[in-house]
Amino acid sequence: MSNFHIANQQAAIEAVQEVESLSDEQLREAILQSLKKAGYPSNDLPSEMDTSRQGLLDFIAGMAAIAHSYPAENEVRD
């Protein structure tokens, strides 16, 4: 049995489409609130995080792709 998962690219695309109209500050705040709900202790985004607009959208896309991933054994192979 595999512990590998396939990232859901469609979920990533849809997540970005839902938030791309937000301002950079709104994106930062949404991500910070999401991190805080998961136990992140700071009131600032991690200093290592790419906080450019593209970096914030990439973060959202990545989290959505992971959240909606599925086990690799369900992957259809040629």
PDB file of N, CA and C in Angstrom:
ATOM      1  N   MET A   1       0.844  -1.192   0.000  1.00  0.00           N
ATOM      2  CA  MET A   1       0.000   0.000   0.000  1.00  0.00           C
ATOM      3  C   MET A   1       0.879   1.241   0.000  1.00  0.00           C
ATOM      4  N   SER A   2       0.559   2.185  -0.848  1.00  0.00           N
ATOM      5  CA  SER A   2       1.342   3.391  -1.031  1.00  0.00           C
ATOM      6  C   SER A   2       0.857   4.516  -0.126  1.00  0.00           C
ATOM      7  N   ASN A   3       1.801   5.309   0.375  1.00  0.00           N
ATOM      8  CA  ASN A   3       1.457   6.501   1.139  1.00  0.00           C
ATOM      9  C   ASN A   3       1.541   7.741   0.263  1.00  0.00           C
ATOM     10  N   PHE A   4       1.740   7.555  -1.015  1.00  0.00           N
ATOM     11  CA  PHE A   4       1.867   8.678  -1.936  1.00  0.00           C
ATOM     12  C   PHE A   4       0.492   9.173  -2.349  1.00  0.00           C
ATOM     13  N   HIS A   5       0.415  10.486  -2.563  1.00  0.00           N
ATOM     14  CA  HIS A   5      -0.825  11.100  -3.028  1.00  0.00           C
ATOM     15  C   HIS A   5      -0.548  11.915  -4.288  1.00  0.00           C
ATOM     16  N   ILE A   6      -1.544  12.036  -5.114  1.00  0.00           N
ATOM     17  CA  ILE A   6      -1.472  12.839  -6.328  1.00  0.00           C
ATOM     18  C   ILE A   6      -2.113  14.193  -6.026  1.00  0.00           C
ATOM     19  N   ALA A   7      -1.372  15.264  -6.255  1.00  0.00           N
ATOM     20  CA  ALA A   7      -1.919  16.603  -6.036  1.00  0.00           C
ATOM     21  C   ALA A   7      -3.024  16.869  -7.049  1.00  0.00           C
ATOM     22  N   ASN A   8      -4.043  17.550  -6.614  1.00  0.00           N
ATOM     23  CA  ASN A   8      -5.197  17.835  -7.457  1.00  0.00           C
ATOM     24  C   ASN A   8      -5.003  19.202  -8.113  1.00  0.00           C
ATOM     25  N   GLN A   9      -4.523  19.208  -9.353  1.00  0.00           N
ATOM     26  CA  GLN A   9      -4.245  20.463 -10.045  1.00  0.00           C
ATOM     27  C   GLN A   9      -5.510  21.267 -10.311  1.00  0.00           C
ATOM     28  N   GLN A  10      -6.620  20.606 -10.559  1.00  0.00           N
ATOM     29  CA  GLN A  10      -7.868  21.328 -10.811  1.00  0.00           C
ATOM     30  C   GLN A  10      -8.294  22.098  -9.570  1.00  0.00           C
ATOM     31  N   ALA A  11      -8.133  21.504  -8.400  1.00  0.00           N
ATOM     32  CA  ALA A  11      -8.468  22.204  -7.155  1.00  0.00           C
ATOM     33  C   ALA A  11      -7.592  23.436  -6.986  1.00  0.00           C
ATOM     34  N   ALA A  12      -6.326  23.340  -7.371  1.00  0.00           N
ATOM     35  CA  ALA A  12      -5.413  24.479  -7.285  1.00  0.00           C
ATOM     36  C   ALA A  12      -5.872  25.611  -8.194  1.00  0.00           C
ATOM     37  N   ILE A  13      -6.232  25.267  -9.410  1.00  0.00           N
ATOM     38  CA  ILE A  13      -6.700  26.273 -10.375  1.00  0.00           C
ATOM     39  C   ILE A  13      -7.963  26.956  -9.865  1.00  0.00           C
ATOM     40  N   GLU A  14      -8.896  26.174  -9.373  1.00  0.00           N
ATOM     41  CA  GLU A  14     -10.161  26.725  -8.887  1.00  0.00           C
ATOM     42  C   GLU A  14      -9.961  27.609  -7.661  1.00  0.00           C
ATOM     43  N   ALA A  15      -9.063  27.213  -6.766  1.00  0.00           N
ATOM     44  CA  ALA A  15      -8.800  28.014  -5.571  1.00  0.00           C
ATOM     45  C   ALA A  15      -8.240  29.379  -5.951  1.00  0.00           C
ATOM     46  N   VAL A  16      -7.305  29.401  -6.891  1.00  0.00           N
ATOM     47  CA  VAL A  16      -6.717  30.672  -7.317  1.00  0.00           C
ATOM     48  C   VAL A  16      -7.765  31.532  -8.012  1.00  0.00           C
ATOM     49  N   GLN A  17      -8.594  30.935  -8.823  1.00  0.00           N
ATOM     50  CA  GLN A  17      -9.649  31.697  -9.495  1.00  0.00           C
ATOM     51  C   GLN A  17     -10.585  32.368  -8.488  1.00  0.00           C
ATOM     52  N   GLU A  18     -10.812  31.706  -7.366  1.00  0.00           N
ATOM     53  CA  GLU A  18     -11.701  32.255  -6.347  1.00  0.00           C
ATOM     54  C   GLU A  18     -11.104  33.452  -5.619  1.00  0.00           C
ATOM     55  N   VAL A  19      -9.789  33.515  -5.505  1.00  0.00           N
ATOM     56  CA  VAL A  19      -9.163  34.567  -4.695  1.00  0.00           C
ATOM     57  C   VAL A  19      -8.353  35.580  -5.491  1.00  0.00           C
ATOM     58  N   GLU A  20      -8.186  35.388  -6.788  1.00  0.00           N
ATOM     59  CA  GLU A  20      -7.303  36.279  -7.538  1.00  0.00           C
ATOM     60  C   GLU A  20      -7.805  37.714  -7.607  1.00  0.00           C
ATOM     61  N   SER A  21      -9.071  37.950  -7.318  1.00  0.00           N
ATOM     62  CA  SER A  21      -9.588  39.322  -7.327  1.00  0.00           C
ATOM     63  C   SER A  21      -9.316  40.055  -6.010  1.00  0.00           C
ATOM     64  N   LEU A  22      -8.851  39.338  -4.992  1.00  0.00           N
ATOM     65  CA  LEU A  22      -8.524  39.973  -3.711  1.00  0.00           C
ATOM     66  C   LEU A  22      -7.271  40.825  -3.854  1.00  0.00           C
ATOM     67  N   SER A  23      -7.173  41.846  -3.031  1.00  0.00           N
ATOM     68  CA  SER A  23      -5.955  42.666  -3.007  1.00  0.00           C
ATOM     69  C   SER A  23      -4.826  41.863  -2.363  1.00  0.00           C
ATOM     70  N   ASP A  24      -3.604  42.337  -2.523  1.00  0.00           N
ATOM     71  CA  ASP A  24      -2.462  41.653  -1.912  1.00  0.00           C
ATOM     72  C   ASP A  24      -2.632  41.580  -0.396  1.00  0.00           C
ATOM     73  N   GLU A  25      -3.098  42.661   0.208  1.00  0.00           N
ATOM     74  CA  GLU A  25      -3.295  42.682   1.656  1.00  0.00           C
ATOM     75  C   GLU A  25      -4.373  41.688   2.079  1.00  0.00           C
ATOM     76  N   GLN A  26      -5.438  41.586   1.316  1.00  0.00           N
ATOM     77  CA  GLN A  26      -6.491  40.620   1.626  1.00  0.00           C
ATOM     78  C   GLN A  26      -5.970  39.190   1.496  1.00  0.00           C
ATOM     79  N   LEU A  27      -5.121  38.936   0.498  1.00  0.00           N
ATOM     80  CA  LEU A  27      -4.520  37.613   0.347  1.00  0.00           C
ATOM     81  C   LEU A  27      -3.642  37.289   1.553  1.00  0.00           C
ATOM     82  N   ARG A  28      -2.805  38.253   1.932  1.00  0.00           N
ATOM     83  CA  ARG A  28      -1.938  38.046   3.103  1.00  0.00           C
ATOM     84  C   ARG A  28      -2.770  37.720   4.339  1.00  0.00           C
ATOM     85  N   GLU A  29      -3.817  38.502   4.565  1.00  0.00           N
ATOM     86  CA  GLU A  29      -4.657  38.309   5.742  1.00  0.00           C
ATOM     87  C   GLU A  29      -5.366  36.955   5.702  1.00  0.00           C
ATOM     88  N   ALA A  30      -5.875  36.559   4.552  1.00  0.00           N
ATOM     89  CA  ALA A  30      -6.554  35.265   4.430  1.00  0.00           C
ATOM     90  C   ALA A  30      -5.589  34.119   4.731  1.00  0.00           C
ATOM     91  N   ILE A  31      -4.376  34.219   4.213  1.00  0.00           N
ATOM     92  CA  ILE A  31      -3.388  33.166   4.459  1.00  0.00           C
ATOM     93  C   ILE A  31      -2.985  33.152   5.927  1.00  0.00           C
ATOM     94  N   LEU A  32      -2.756  34.330   6.502  1.00  0.00           N
ATOM     95  CA  LEU A  32      -2.386  34.397   7.916  1.00  0.00           C
ATOM     96  C   LEU A  32      -3.477  33.792   8.790  1.00  0.00           C
ATOM     97  N   GLN A  33      -4.725  34.119   8.525  1.00  0.00           N
ATOM     98  CA  GLN A  33      -5.823  33.566   9.322  1.00  0.00           C
ATOM     99  C   GLN A  33      -5.916  32.049   9.169  1.00  0.00           C
ATOM    100  N   SER A  34      -5.662  31.565   7.975  1.00  0.00           N
ATOM    101  CA  SER A  34      -5.665  30.122   7.735  1.00  0.00           C
ATOM    102  C   SER A  34      -4.543  29.442   8.528  1.00  0.00           C
ATOM    103  N   LEU A  35      -3.365  30.039   8.505  1.00  0.00           N
ATOM    104  CA  LEU A  35      -2.242  29.487   9.258  1.00  0.00           C
ATOM    105  C   LEU A  35      -2.526  29.512  10.762  1.00  0.00           C
ATOM    106  N   LYS A  36      -3.105  30.597  11.236  1.00  0.00           N
ATOM    107  CA  LYS A  36      -3.412  30.711  12.663  1.00  0.00           C
ATOM    108  C   LYS A  36      -4.424  29.648  13.098  1.00  0.00           C
ATOM    109  N   LYS A  37      -5.390  29.344  12.242  1.00  0.00           N
ATOM    110  CA  LYS A  37      -6.365  28.289  12.561  1.00  0.00           C
ATOM    111  C   LYS A  37      -5.674  26.936  12.705  1.00  0.00           C
ATOM    112  N   ALA A  38      -4.546  26.786  12.022  1.00  0.00           N
ATOM    113  CA  ALA A  38      -3.791  25.533  12.085  1.00  0.00           C
ATOM    114  C   ALA A  38      -2.755  25.549  13.213  1.00  0.00           C
ATOM    115  N   GLY A  39      -2.760  26.604  14.036  1.00  0.00           N
ATOM    116  CA  GLY A  39      -1.864  26.653  15.179  1.00  0.00           C
ATOM    117  C   GLY A  39      -0.634  27.532  15.016  1.00  0.00           C
ATOM    118  N   TYR A  40      -0.517  28.227  13.901  1.00  0.00           N
ATOM    119  CA  TYR A  40       0.621  29.118  13.679  1.00  0.00           C
ATOM    120  C   TYR A  40       0.561  30.238  14.716  1.00  0.00           C
ATOM    121  N   PRO A  41       1.651  30.481  15.467  1.00  0.00           N
ATOM    122  CA  PRO A  41       1.585  31.393  16.605  1.00  0.00           C
ATOM    123  C   PRO A  41       1.805  32.885  16.316  1.00  0.00           C
ATOM    124  N   SER A  42       2.299  33.244  15.174  1.00  0.00           N
ATOM    125  CA  SER A  42       2.692  34.636  14.923  1.00  0.00           C
ATOM    126  C   SER A  42       1.561  35.452  14.302  1.00  0.00           C
ATOM    127  N   ASN A  43       1.693  36.763  14.404  1.00  0.00           N
ATOM    128  CA  ASN A  43       0.748  37.674  13.760  1.00  0.00           C
ATOM    129  C   ASN A  43       1.265  38.162  12.420  1.00  0.00           C
ATOM    130  N   ASP A  44       2.380  37.609  11.981  1.00  0.00           N
ATOM    131  CA  ASP A  44       2.970  37.935  10.688  1.00  0.00           C
ATOM    132  C   ASP A  44       3.184  36.655   9.910  1.00  0.00           C
ATOM    133  N   LEU A  45       3.182  36.758   8.590  1.00  0.00           N
ATOM    134  CA  LEU A  45       3.496  35.593   7.765  1.00  0.00           C
ATOM    135  C   LEU A  45       4.942  35.191   8.013  1.00  0.00           C
ATOM    136  N   PRO A  46       5.268  33.920   7.832  1.00  0.00           N
ATOM    137  CA  PRO A  46       6.645  33.468   8.037  1.00  0.00           C
ATOM    138  C   PRO A  46       7.628  34.268   7.179  1.00  0.00           C
ATOM    139  N   SER A  47       8.759  34.614   7.743  1.00  0.00           N
ATOM    140  CA  SER A  47       9.749  35.424   7.022  1.00  0.00           C
ATOM    141  C   SER A  47      10.303  34.681   5.806  1.00  0.00           C
ATOM    142  N   GLU A  48      10.241  33.356   5.819  1.00  0.00           N
ATOM    143  CA  GLU A  48      10.743  32.561   4.697  1.00  0.00           C
ATOM    144  C   GLU A  48       9.749  32.489   3.542  1.00  0.00           C
ATOM    145  N   MET A  49       8.531  32.937   3.763  1.00  0.00           N
ATOM    146  CA  MET A  49       7.471  32.816   2.762  1.00  0.00           C
ATOM    147  C   MET A  49       7.619  33.899   1.688  1.00  0.00           C
ATOM    148  N   ASP A  50       7.378  33.501   0.462  1.00  0.00           N
ATOM    149  CA  ASP A  50       7.356  34.457  -0.647  1.00  0.00           C
ATOM    150  C   ASP A  50       6.035  35.216  -0.552  1.00  0.00           C
ATOM    151  N   THR A  51       6.096  36.480  -0.163  1.00  0.00           N
ATOM    152  CA  THR A  51       4.878  37.261   0.030  1.00  0.00           C
ATOM    153  C   THR A  51       4.572  38.171  -1.160  1.00  0.00           C
ATOM    154  N   SER A  52       5.226  37.906  -2.289  1.00  0.00           N
ATOM    155  CA  SER A  52       4.819  38.609  -3.501  1.00  0.00           C
ATOM    156  C   SER A  52       3.426  38.114  -3.866  1.00  0.00           C
ATOM    157  N   ARG A  53       2.720  38.829  -4.708  1.00  0.00           N
ATOM    158  CA  ARG A  53       1.380  38.395  -5.119  1.00  0.00           C
ATOM    159  C   ARG A  53       1.421  36.983  -5.701  1.00  0.00           C
ATOM    160  N   GLN A  54       2.390  36.726  -6.579  1.00  0.00           N
ATOM    161  CA  GLN A  54       2.502  35.400  -7.181  1.00  0.00           C
ATOM    162  C   GLN A  54       2.819  34.344  -6.125  1.00  0.00           C
ATOM    163  N   GLY A  55       3.662  34.686  -5.176  1.00  0.00           N
ATOM    164  CA  GLY A  55       3.985  33.751  -4.101  1.00  0.00           C
ATOM    165  C   GLY A  55       2.775  33.400  -3.258  1.00  0.00           C
ATOM    166  N   LEU A  56       1.940  34.401  -2.957  1.00  0.00           N
ATOM    167  CA  LEU A  56       0.728  34.160  -2.174  1.00  0.00           C
ATOM    168  C   LEU A  56      -0.260  33.282  -2.938  1.00  0.00           C
ATOM    169  N   LEU A  57      -0.421  33.570  -4.224  1.00  0.00           N
ATOM    170  CA  LEU A  57      -1.316  32.746  -5.043  1.00  0.00           C
ATOM    171  C   LEU A  57      -0.778  31.323  -5.189  1.00  0.00           C
ATOM    172  N   ASP A  58       0.540  31.192  -5.330  1.00  0.00           N
ATOM    173  CA  ASP A  58       1.145  29.860  -5.408  1.00  0.00           C
ATOM    174  C   ASP A  58       0.912  29.080  -4.117  1.00  0.00           C
ATOM    175  N   PHE A  59       1.019  29.760  -2.985  1.00  0.00           N
ATOM    176  CA  PHE A  59       0.787  29.113  -1.694  1.00  0.00           C
ATOM    177  C   PHE A  59      -0.644  28.582  -1.623  1.00  0.00           C
ATOM    178  N   ILE A  60      -1.602  29.421  -2.007  1.00  0.00           N
ATOM    179  CA  ILE A  60      -3.014  29.013  -1.992  1.00  0.00           C
ATOM    180  C   ILE A  60      -3.233  27.836  -2.937  1.00  0.00           C
ATOM    181  N   ALA A  61      -2.657  27.911  -4.119  1.00  0.00           N
ATOM    182  CA  ALA A  61      -2.799  26.818  -5.087  1.00  0.00           C
ATOM    183  C   ALA A  61      -2.218  25.523  -4.523  1.00  0.00           C
ATOM    184  N   GLY A  62      -1.053  25.615  -3.938  1.00  0.00           N
ATOM    185  CA  GLY A  62      -0.408  24.425  -3.383  1.00  0.00           C
ATOM    186  C   GLY A  62      -1.199  23.801  -2.252  1.00  0.00           C
ATOM    187  N   MET A  63      -1.721  24.645  -1.385  1.00  0.00           N
ATOM    188  CA  MET A  63      -2.506  24.118  -0.270  1.00  0.00           C
ATOM    189  C   MET A  63      -3.795  23.461  -0.763  1.00  0.00           C
ATOM    190  N   ALA A  64      -4.431  24.060  -1.755  1.00  0.00           N
ATOM    191  CA  ALA A  64      -5.656  23.459  -2.304  1.00  0.00           C
ATOM    192  C   ALA A  64      -5.345  22.134  -3.001  1.00  0.00           C
ATOM    193  N   ALA A  65      -4.247  22.099  -3.739  1.00  0.00           N
ATOM    194  CA  ALA A  65      -3.865  20.863  -4.443  1.00  0.00           C
ATOM    195  C   ALA A  65      -3.593  19.732  -3.463  1.00  0.00           C
ATOM    196  N   ILE A  66      -2.967  20.067  -2.349  1.00  0.00           N
ATOM    197  CA  ILE A  66      -2.677  19.057  -1.326  1.00  0.00           C
ATOM    198  C   ILE A  66      -3.959  18.650  -0.602  1.00  0.00           C
ATOM    199  N   ALA A  67      -4.766  19.631  -0.240  1.00  0.00           N
ATOM    200  CA  ALA A  67      -5.996  19.344   0.508  1.00  0.00           C
ATOM    201  C   ALA A  67      -6.952  18.454  -0.278  1.00  0.00           C
ATOM    202  N   HIS A  68      -6.911  18.557  -1.592  1.00  0.00           N
ATOM    203  CA  HIS A  68      -7.815  17.774  -2.434  1.00  0.00           C
ATOM    204  C   HIS A  68      -7.080  16.658  -3.184  1.00  0.00           C
ATOM    205  N   SER A  69      -5.952  16.243  -2.634  1.00  0.00           N
ATOM    206  CA  SER A  69      -5.186  15.166  -3.273  1.00  0.00           C
ATOM    207  C   SER A  69      -5.893  13.830  -3.075  1.00  0.00           C
ATOM    208  N   TYR A  70      -5.410  12.831  -3.786  1.00  0.00           N
ATOM    209  CA  TYR A  70      -6.012  11.509  -3.676  1.00  0.00           C
ATOM    210  C   TYR A  70      -4.892  10.460  -3.701  1.00  0.00           C
ATOM    211  N   PRO A  71      -5.140   9.299  -3.108  1.00  0.00           N
ATOM    212  CA  PRO A  71      -4.101   8.265  -3.042  1.00  0.00           C
ATOM    213  C   PRO A  71      -3.590   7.864  -4.426  1.00  0.00           C
ATOM    214  N   ALA A  72      -2.310   7.669  -4.528  1.00  0.00           N
ATOM    215  CA  ALA A  72      -1.680   7.328  -5.808  1.00  0.00           C
ATOM    216  C   ALA A  72      -2.185   6.007  -6.365  1.00  0.00           C
ATOM    217  N   GLU A  73      -2.638   5.095  -5.525  1.00  0.00           N
ATOM    218  CA  GLU A  73      -3.099   3.816  -6.048  1.00  0.00           C
ATOM    219  C   GLU A  73      -4.377   3.979  -6.869  1.00  0.00           C
ATOM    220  N   ASN A  74      -5.033   5.127  -6.777  1.00  0.00           N
ATOM    221  CA  ASN A  74      -6.224   5.392  -7.582  1.00  0.00           C
ATOM    222  C   ASN A  74      -5.856   5.962  -8.951  1.00  0.00           C
ATOM    223  N   GLU A  75      -4.602   6.224  -9.175  1.00  0.00           N
ATOM    224  CA  GLU A  75      -4.132   6.817 -10.430  1.00  0.00           C
ATOM    225  C   GLU A  75      -4.231   5.798 -11.564  1.00  0.00           C
ATOM    226  N   VAL A  76      -4.791   6.215 -12.654  1.00  0.00           N
ATOM    227  CA  VAL A  76      -4.897   5.358 -13.840  1.00  0.00           C
ATOM    228  C   VAL A  76      -3.572   5.407 -14.577  1.00  0.00           C
ATOM    229  N   ARG A  77      -3.033   4.266 -14.919  1.00  0.00           N
ATOM    230  CA  ARG A  77      -1.765   4.199 -15.623  1.00  0.00           C
ATOM    231  C   ARG A  77      -1.982   3.672 -17.038  1.00  0.00           C
ATOM    232  N   ASP A  78      -1.157   4.166 -17.957  1.00  0.00           N
ATOM    233  CA  ASP A  78      -1.235   3.712 -19.350  1.00  0.00           C
ATOM    234  C   ASP A  78      -0.684   2.317 -19.510  1.00  0.00           C
TER     235      ASP A  78
END
